[in-house]
């Protein structure tokens, strides 16, 4: 639901109301080469925050049961949706025909050497790859990106440039972040680490899935306001 410049209605709405982080913010004009990311969790958080889809507020989802924390700022790309097209690509790559999308916006981890003190903010990120993750039969890809102009990681353009130890930390986190204190096995698995071009394809498909699921929200709002 990207605002249309020059439209007085949109200008008033932007002044007096905060846009919904999922629907009210563009993924960025340069996507998929550079995208806007909404950050839900930072590495210092010992609890898992998640966007409450109905309200657009950041909600505490659960305390982390163990000492593992997310190795990088983590959130999602606005106006994306993991639906049929994202699932189709995952099914093609894994040979598992029964996969479906997880019904959430596309997740993203952003590598940076800077300490971000809190979540609930936007940043510009350059996708360099991703983790093909499956969660109980659902496609749940994790795009890996670098913070634009970051001193340590900002020059990376493909995940193969990342230290392997860092990639393994990301994989370990997502394989264990749902683990039960009783030792029950989590439902997640990472089937592949893919590079920049594949990440761009996942982002494009998630944008198409969003359009299929929600249509043009800006046009819908325009029609509502003038009905």
C-alpha atoms as a PDB file:
ATOM      1  CA  UNK A   1       0.000   0.000   0.000  1.00  0.00           C
ATOM      2  CA  UNK A   2       2.615   2.463  -1.152  1.00  0.00           C
ATOM      3  CA  UNK A   3       1.627   6.118  -0.945  1.00  0.00           C
ATOM      4  CA  UNK A   4       1.081   7.974  -4.204  1.00  0.00           C
ATOM      5  CA  UNK A   5       3.010  11.221  -4.274  1.00  0.00           C
ATOM      6  CA  UNK A   6       0.935  14.291  -4.857  1.00  0.00           C
ATOM      7  CA  UNK A   7      -2.322  12.736  -3.704  1.00  0.00           C
ATOM      8  CA  UNK A   8      -3.641  14.922  -0.848  1.00  0.00           C
ATOM      9  CA  UNK A   9      -5.465  11.999   0.778  1.00  0.00           C
ATOM     10  CA  UNK A  10      -2.281   9.980   0.999  1.00  0.00           C
ATOM     11  CA  UNK A  11      -0.299  12.932   2.320  1.00  0.00           C
ATOM     12  CA  UNK A  12      -2.765  13.447   5.179  1.00  0.00           C
ATOM     13  CA  UNK A  13      -2.764   9.736   6.024  1.00  0.00           C
ATOM     14  CA  UNK A  14       1.044   9.661   6.102  1.00  0.00           C
ATOM     15  CA  UNK A  15       1.155  12.619   8.489  1.00  0.00           C
ATOM     16  CA  UNK A  16      -1.406  11.401  11.012  1.00  0.00           C
ATOM     17  CA  UNK A  17      -1.175   7.605  10.838  1.00  0.00           C
ATOM     18  CA  UNK A  18       1.683   5.149  11.054  1.00  0.00           C
ATOM     19  CA  UNK A  19       1.769   2.747   8.065  1.00  0.00           C
ATOM     20  CA  UNK A  20       1.303  -0.946   8.767  1.00  0.00           C
ATOM     21  CA  UNK A  21       4.841  -2.470   8.618  1.00  0.00           C
ATOM     22  CA  UNK A  22       3.710  -5.322   6.377  1.00  0.00           C
ATOM     23  CA  UNK A  23       1.173  -3.659   4.098  1.00  0.00           C
ATOM     24  CA  UNK A  24       1.833   0.077   4.320  1.00  0.00           C
ATOM     25  CA  UNK A  25       5.524   0.156   3.390  1.00  0.00           C
ATOM     26  CA  UNK A  26       7.103  -0.586   0.013  1.00  0.00           C
ATOM     27  CA  UNK A  27       9.806  -3.227  -0.327  1.00  0.00           C
ATOM     28  CA  UNK A  28      11.819  -0.522  -2.120  1.00  0.00           C
ATOM     29  CA  UNK A  29      12.151   0.792  -5.659  1.00  0.00           C
ATOM     30  CA  UNK A  30      15.461  -1.062  -6.178  1.00  0.00           C
ATOM     31  CA  UNK A  31      14.109  -4.485  -5.154  1.00  0.00           C
ATOM     32  CA  UNK A  32      15.259  -7.223  -5.379  1.00  0.00           C
ATOM     33  CA  UNK A  33      18.824  -5.815  -5.579  1.00  0.00           C
ATOM     34  CA  UNK A  34      18.165  -3.745  -2.443  1.00  0.00           C
ATOM     35  CA  UNK A  35      15.121  -4.075  -0.218  1.00  0.00           C
ATOM     36  CA  UNK A  36      13.539  -2.414   2.775  1.00  0.00           C
ATOM     37  CA  UNK A  37      13.585  -4.683   5.819  1.00  0.00           C
ATOM     38  CA  UNK A  38      11.411  -4.324   8.920  1.00  0.00           C
ATOM     39  CA  UNK A  39      13.366  -5.621  11.918  1.00  0.00           C
ATOM     40  CA  UNK A  40      11.513  -7.631  14.575  1.00  0.00           C
ATOM     41  CA  UNK A  41      14.432  -9.098  16.574  1.00  0.00           C
ATOM     42  CA  UNK A  42      18.015  -8.014  17.258  1.00  0.00           C
ATOM     43  CA  UNK A  43      20.864 -10.190  18.616  1.00  0.00           C
ATOM     44  CA  UNK A  44      20.578  -8.802  22.155  1.00  0.00           C
ATOM     45  CA  UNK A  45      16.941  -9.905  22.493  1.00  0.00           C
ATOM     46  CA  UNK A  46      16.351 -12.882  24.771  1.00  0.00           C
ATOM     47  CA  UNK A  47      12.705 -13.068  23.754  1.00  0.00           C
ATOM     48  CA  UNK A  48      11.170 -13.613  20.325  1.00  0.00           C
ATOM     49  CA  UNK A  49       9.201 -10.653  19.007  1.00  0.00           C
ATOM     50  CA  UNK A  50       6.865 -10.982  16.044  1.00  0.00           C
ATOM     51  CA  UNK A  51       4.620  -8.575  14.204  1.00  0.00           C
ATOM     52  CA  UNK A  52       0.961  -8.906  15.178  1.00  0.00           C
ATOM     53  CA  UNK A  53      -0.550  -8.969  11.713  1.00  0.00           C
ATOM     54  CA  UNK A  54      -3.932  -7.533  12.657  1.00  0.00           C
ATOM     55  CA  UNK A  55      -2.636  -4.421  14.426  1.00  0.00           C
ATOM     56  CA  UNK A  56       0.831  -3.841  12.981  1.00  0.00           C
ATOM     57  CA  UNK A  57       2.343  -3.666  16.485  1.00  0.00           C
ATOM     58  CA  UNK A  58       5.381  -5.669  17.538  1.00  0.00           C
ATOM     59  CA  UNK A  59       4.274  -8.337  20.009  1.00  0.00           C
ATOM     60  CA  UNK A  60       6.258 -10.552  22.363  1.00  0.00           C
ATOM     61  CA  UNK A  61       5.805 -14.034  20.912  1.00  0.00           C
ATOM     62  CA  UNK A  62       7.732 -16.121  23.431  1.00  0.00           C
ATOM     63  CA  UNK A  63      10.831 -16.048  25.643  1.00  0.00           C
ATOM     64  CA  UNK A  64      13.751 -17.984  24.240  1.00  0.00           C
ATOM     65  CA  UNK A  65      14.019 -21.251  26.155  1.00  0.00           C
ATOM     66  CA  UNK A  66      17.774 -21.608  25.792  1.00  0.00           C
ATOM     67  CA  UNK A  67      20.810 -19.333  25.525  1.00  0.00           C
ATOM     68  CA  UNK A  68      20.830 -19.137  21.723  1.00  0.00           C
ATOM     69  CA  UNK A  69      20.043 -15.731  20.250  1.00  0.00           C
ATOM     70  CA  UNK A  70      19.597 -14.696  16.641  1.00  0.00           C
ATOM     71  CA  UNK A  71      23.078 -13.955  15.190  1.00  0.00           C
ATOM     72  CA  UNK A  72      21.834 -11.015  13.115  1.00  0.00           C
ATOM     73  CA  UNK A  73      18.958  -8.532  13.035  1.00  0.00           C
ATOM     74  CA  UNK A  74      15.943 -10.485  11.814  1.00  0.00           C
ATOM     75  CA  UNK A  75      12.605  -9.473  10.363  1.00  0.00           C
ATOM     76  CA  UNK A  76      10.764  -9.455   7.050  1.00  0.00           C
ATOM     77  CA  UNK A  77      10.456  -7.721   3.699  1.00  0.00           C
ATOM     78  CA  UNK A  78       7.250  -5.626   3.477  1.00  0.00           C
ATOM     79  CA  UNK A  79       4.614  -6.450   0.867  1.00  0.00           C
ATOM     80  CA  UNK A  80       5.808 -10.021   0.426  1.00  0.00           C
ATOM     81  CA  UNK A  81       3.943 -13.275   1.087  1.00  0.00           C
ATOM     82  CA  UNK A  82       5.111 -16.869   1.136  1.00  0.00           C
ATOM     83  CA  UNK A  83       2.398 -18.537  -0.897  1.00  0.00           C
ATOM     84  CA  UNK A  84       2.070 -20.773  -3.905  1.00  0.00           C
ATOM     85  CA  UNK A  85       4.901 -19.409  -6.023  1.00  0.00           C
ATOM     86  CA  UNK A  86       7.466 -19.489  -3.206  1.00  0.00           C
ATOM     87  CA  UNK A  87       6.329 -23.012  -2.326  1.00  0.00           C
ATOM     88  CA  UNK A  88       6.522 -24.071  -5.974  1.00  0.00           C
ATOM     89  CA  UNK A  89      10.167 -23.031  -6.188  1.00  0.00           C
ATOM     90  CA  UNK A  90      10.974 -24.844  -2.934  1.00  0.00           C
ATOM     91  CA  UNK A  91       9.176 -27.957  -4.201  1.00  0.00           C
ATOM     92  CA  UNK A  92      11.104 -27.821  -7.477  1.00  0.00           C
ATOM     93  CA  UNK A  93      14.442 -27.475  -5.699  1.00  0.00           C
ATOM     94  CA  UNK A  94      13.781 -30.136  -3.039  1.00  0.00           C
ATOM     95  CA  UNK A  95      11.667 -32.600  -4.986  1.00  0.00           C
ATOM     96  CA  UNK A  96       8.876 -32.414  -2.399  1.00  0.00           C
ATOM     97  CA  UNK A  97       5.674 -31.811  -4.293  1.00  0.00           C
ATOM     98  CA  UNK A  98       3.398 -31.346  -1.282  1.00  0.00           C
ATOM     99  CA  UNK A  99       4.977 -28.136   0.039  1.00  0.00           C
ATOM    100  CA  UNK A 100       2.903 -25.021   0.724  1.00  0.00           C
ATOM    101  CA  UNK A 101       3.911 -21.490   1.703  1.00  0.00           C
ATOM    102  CA  UNK A 102       3.890 -20.617   5.393  1.00  0.00           C
ATOM    103  CA  UNK A 103       1.476 -17.703   4.857  1.00  0.00           C
ATOM    104  CA  UNK A 104       3.812 -15.090   6.349  1.00  0.00           C
ATOM    105  CA  UNK A 105       5.864 -12.267   4.855  1.00  0.00           C
ATOM    106  CA  UNK A 106       9.304 -13.291   3.584  1.00  0.00           C
ATOM    107  CA  UNK A 107      11.860 -13.442   6.402  1.00  0.00           C
ATOM    108  CA  UNK A 108      15.231 -11.718   6.186  1.00  0.00           C
ATOM    109  CA  UNK A 109      18.437 -11.687   8.283  1.00  0.00           C
ATOM    110  CA  UNK A 110      20.676  -8.638   7.860  1.00  0.00           C
ATOM    111  CA  UNK A 111      24.390  -8.959   8.544  1.00  0.00           C
ATOM    112  CA  UNK A 112      26.062  -5.950  10.155  1.00  0.00           C
ATOM    113  CA  UNK A 113      28.935  -5.231  12.523  1.00  0.00           C
ATOM    114  CA  UNK A 114      26.899  -2.487  14.202  1.00  0.00           C
ATOM    115  CA  UNK A 115      24.932  -3.086  17.396  1.00  0.00           C
ATOM    116  CA  UNK A 116      21.248  -2.290  16.916  1.00  0.00           C
ATOM    117  CA  UNK A 117      19.788  -1.461  20.310  1.00  0.00           C
ATOM    118  CA  UNK A 118      16.178  -2.363  19.531  1.00  0.00           C
ATOM    119  CA  UNK A 119      13.845  -3.691  16.876  1.00  0.00           C
ATOM    120  CA  UNK A 120      10.745  -2.089  15.295  1.00  0.00           C
ATOM    121  CA  UNK A 121      12.594  -0.107  12.650  1.00  0.00           C
ATOM    122  CA  UNK A 122      13.342  -0.112   8.917  1.00  0.00           C
ATOM    123  CA  UNK A 123      16.674  -0.414   7.147  1.00  0.00           C
ATOM    124  CA  UNK A 124      18.040  -0.836   3.626  1.00  0.00           C
ATOM    125  CA  UNK A 125      19.467  -4.294   2.975  1.00  0.00           C
ATOM    126  CA  UNK A 126      21.244  -5.915   0.017  1.00  0.00           C
ATOM    127  CA  UNK A 127      20.211  -9.584  -0.428  1.00  0.00           C
ATOM    128  CA  UNK A 128      23.183 -11.897  -1.015  1.00  0.00           C
ATOM    129  CA  UNK A 129      21.588 -15.342  -0.619  1.00  0.00           C
ATOM    130  CA  UNK A 130      19.304 -17.344   1.574  1.00  0.00           C
ATOM    131  CA  UNK A 131      18.489 -20.494   3.499  1.00  0.00           C
ATOM    132  CA  UNK A 132      15.874 -22.804   2.043  1.00  0.00           C
ATOM    133  CA  UNK A 133      14.087 -23.756   5.241  1.00  0.00           C
ATOM    134  CA  UNK A 134      11.119 -26.078   5.614  1.00  0.00           C
ATOM    135  CA  UNK A 135       8.932 -25.987   8.699  1.00  0.00           C
ATOM    136  CA  UNK A 136       6.465 -28.856   9.043  1.00  0.00           C
ATOM    137  CA  UNK A 137       5.932 -29.097   5.298  1.00  0.00           C
ATOM    138  CA  UNK A 138       5.813 -25.327   4.709  1.00  0.00           C
ATOM    139  CA  UNK A 139       8.290 -23.240   2.716  1.00  0.00           C
ATOM    140  CA  UNK A 140       9.843 -20.750   5.147  1.00  0.00           C
ATOM    141  CA  UNK A 141      12.814 -19.244   3.297  1.00  0.00           C
ATOM    142  CA  UNK A 142      15.234 -16.970   5.135  1.00  0.00           C
ATOM    143  CA  UNK A 143      16.818 -14.334   2.926  1.00  0.00           C
ATOM    144  CA  UNK A 144      20.350 -13.382   4.009  1.00  0.00           C
ATOM    145  CA  UNK A 145      21.336  -9.775   3.321  1.00  0.00           C
ATOM    146  CA  UNK A 146      23.925  -7.197   4.332  1.00  0.00           C
ATOM    147  CA  UNK A 147      23.263  -3.748   5.732  1.00  0.00           C
ATOM    148  CA  UNK A 148      23.888  -1.145   3.056  1.00  0.00           C
ATOM    149  CA  UNK A 149      27.255   0.606   3.596  1.00  0.00           C
ATOM    150  CA  UNK A 150      28.150  -1.664   6.533  1.00  0.00           C
ATOM    151  CA  UNK A 151      31.892  -1.467   7.172  1.00  0.00           C
ATOM    152  CA  UNK A 152      32.438  -5.214   7.549  1.00  0.00           C
ATOM    153  CA  UNK A 153      29.752  -6.810   5.380  1.00  0.00           C
ATOM    154  CA  UNK A 154      28.453  -4.067   3.093  1.00  0.00           C
ATOM    155  CA  UNK A 155      30.714  -5.044   0.193  1.00  0.00           C
ATOM    156  CA  UNK A 156      29.463  -8.654   0.066  1.00  0.00           C
ATOM    157  CA  UNK A 157      27.346  -9.447  -2.971  1.00  0.00           C
ATOM    158  CA  UNK A 158      26.943 -13.216  -2.602  1.00  0.00           C
ATOM    159  CA  UNK A 159      26.650 -15.495   0.404  1.00  0.00           C
ATOM    160  CA  UNK A 160      29.721 -17.432  -0.729  1.00  0.00           C
ATOM    161  CA  UNK A 161      31.751 -14.393   0.401  1.00  0.00           C
ATOM    162  CA  UNK A 162      30.523 -14.837   3.994  1.00  0.00           C
ATOM    163  CA  UNK A 163      32.659 -16.726   6.508  1.00  0.00           C
ATOM    164  CA  UNK A 164      31.293 -20.267   6.671  1.00  0.00           C
ATOM    165  CA  UNK A 165      31.172 -20.070  10.475  1.00  0.00           C
ATOM    166  CA  UNK A 166      28.659 -17.204  10.262  1.00  0.00           C
ATOM    167  CA  UNK A 167      26.429 -19.092   7.836  1.00  0.00           C
ATOM    168  CA  UNK A 168      26.547 -22.121  10.123  1.00  0.00           C
ATOM    169  CA  UNK A 169      25.517 -19.948  13.078  1.00  0.00           C
ATOM    170  CA  UNK A 170      22.451 -18.798  11.156  1.00  0.00           C
ATOM    171  CA  UNK A 171      21.589 -22.386  10.236  1.00  0.00           C
ATOM    172  CA  UNK A 172      22.050 -23.558  13.832  1.00  0.00           C
ATOM    173  CA  UNK A 173      19.790 -20.818  15.144  1.00  0.00           C
ATOM    174  CA  UNK A 174      16.920 -21.658  12.810  1.00  0.00           C
ATOM    175  CA  UNK A 175      17.282 -25.365  13.478  1.00  0.00           C
ATOM    176  CA  UNK A 176      17.069 -24.861  17.240  1.00  0.00           C
ATOM    177  CA  UNK A 177      14.999 -21.715  17.914  1.00  0.00           C
ATOM    178  CA  UNK A 178      11.808 -23.763  18.233  1.00  0.00           C
ATOM    179  CA  UNK A 179      13.337 -26.566  20.263  1.00  0.00           C
ATOM    180  CA  UNK A 180      11.359 -27.594  23.340  1.00  0.00           C
ATOM    181  CA  UNK A 181      13.011 -27.601  26.797  1.00  0.00           C
ATOM    182  CA  UNK A 182      11.902 -31.236  26.977  1.00  0.00           C
ATOM    183  CA  UNK A 183      14.251 -32.057  24.135  1.00  0.00           C
ATOM    184  CA  UNK A 184      11.570 -32.581  21.519  1.00  0.00           C
ATOM    185  CA  UNK A 185      12.900 -32.283  17.973  1.00  0.00           C
ATOM    186  CA  UNK A 186      11.951 -29.066  16.176  1.00  0.00           C
ATOM    187  CA  UNK A 187      10.014 -29.256  12.922  1.00  0.00           C
ATOM    188  CA  UNK A 188      12.511 -27.166  10.947  1.00  0.00           C
ATOM    189  CA  UNK A 189      15.127 -28.236   8.432  1.00  0.00           C
ATOM    190  CA  UNK A 190      17.457 -26.323   6.149  1.00  0.00           C
ATOM    191  CA  UNK A 191      17.752 -28.113   2.830  1.00  0.00           C
ATOM    192  CA  UNK A 192      20.116 -25.714   1.052  1.00  0.00           C
ATOM    193  CA  UNK A 193      22.092 -22.491   1.184  1.00  0.00           C
ATOM    194  CA  UNK A 194      21.595 -20.536  -2.033  1.00  0.00           C
ATOM    195  CA  UNK A 195      23.184 -17.474  -3.587  1.00  0.00           C
ATOM    196  CA  UNK A 196      22.191 -14.012  -4.731  1.00  0.00           C
ATOM    197  CA  UNK A 197      20.346 -14.877  -7.925  1.00  0.00           C
ATOM    198  CA  UNK A 198      18.192 -17.482  -6.206  1.00  0.00           C
ATOM    199  CA  UNK A 199      17.444 -14.995  -3.414  1.00  0.00           C
ATOM    200  CA  UNK A 200      16.283 -12.473  -6.019  1.00  0.00           C
ATOM    201  CA  UNK A 201      13.973 -15.099  -7.513  1.00  0.00           C
ATOM    202  CA  UNK A 202      12.477 -15.917  -4.100  1.00  0.00           C
ATOM    203  CA  UNK A 203      11.877 -12.207  -3.455  1.00  0.00           C
ATOM    204  CA  UNK A 204      10.215 -11.734  -6.842  1.00  0.00           C
ATOM    205  CA  UNK A 205       7.978 -14.737  -6.252  1.00  0.00           C
ATOM    206  CA  UNK A 206       7.043 -13.543  -2.772  1.00  0.00           C
ATOM    207  CA  UNK A 207       6.042 -10.186  -4.258  1.00  0.00           C
ATOM    208  CA  UNK A 208       3.841 -11.959  -6.808  1.00  0.00           C
ATOM    209  CA  UNK A 209       2.354 -14.121  -4.046  1.00  0.00           C
ATOM    210  CA  UNK A 210       1.560 -10.938  -2.121  1.00  0.00           C
ATOM    211  CA  UNK A 211      -0.210  -9.442  -5.138  1.00  0.00           C
ATOM    212  CA  UNK A 212      -2.163 -12.668  -5.629  1.00  0.00           C
ATOM    213  CA  UNK A 213      -3.173 -12.769  -1.961  1.00  0.00           C
ATOM    214  CA  UNK A 214      -3.919  -9.099  -1.257  1.00  0.00           C
ATOM    215  CA  UNK A 215      -4.240  -7.451  -4.659  1.00  0.00           C
ATOM    216  CA  UNK A 216      -3.528  -3.743  -4.900  1.00  0.00           C
ATOM    217  CA  UNK A 217      -4.195  -2.409  -1.415  1.00  0.00           C
ATOM    218  CA  UNK A 218      -3.572   1.165  -2.532  1.00  0.00           C
ATOM    219  CA  UNK A 219      -6.273   0.897  -5.189  1.00  0.00           C
ATOM    220  CA  UNK A 220      -8.605  -0.717  -2.657  1.00  0.00           C
ATOM    221  CA  UNK A 221      -8.073   2.138  -0.192  1.00  0.00           C
ATOM    222  CA  UNK A 222      -8.551   4.723  -2.906  1.00  0.00           C
ATOM    223  CA  UNK A 223     -11.867   3.119  -3.865  1.00  0.00           C
ATOM    224  CA  UNK A 224     -12.951   2.960  -0.220  1.00  0.00           C
ATOM    225  CA  UNK A 225     -12.116   6.591   0.457  1.00  0.00           C
ATOM    226  CA  UNK A 226     -14.014   7.792  -2.605  1.00  0.00           C
ATOM    227  CA  UNK A 227     -17.017   5.470  -2.389  1.00  0.00           C
END
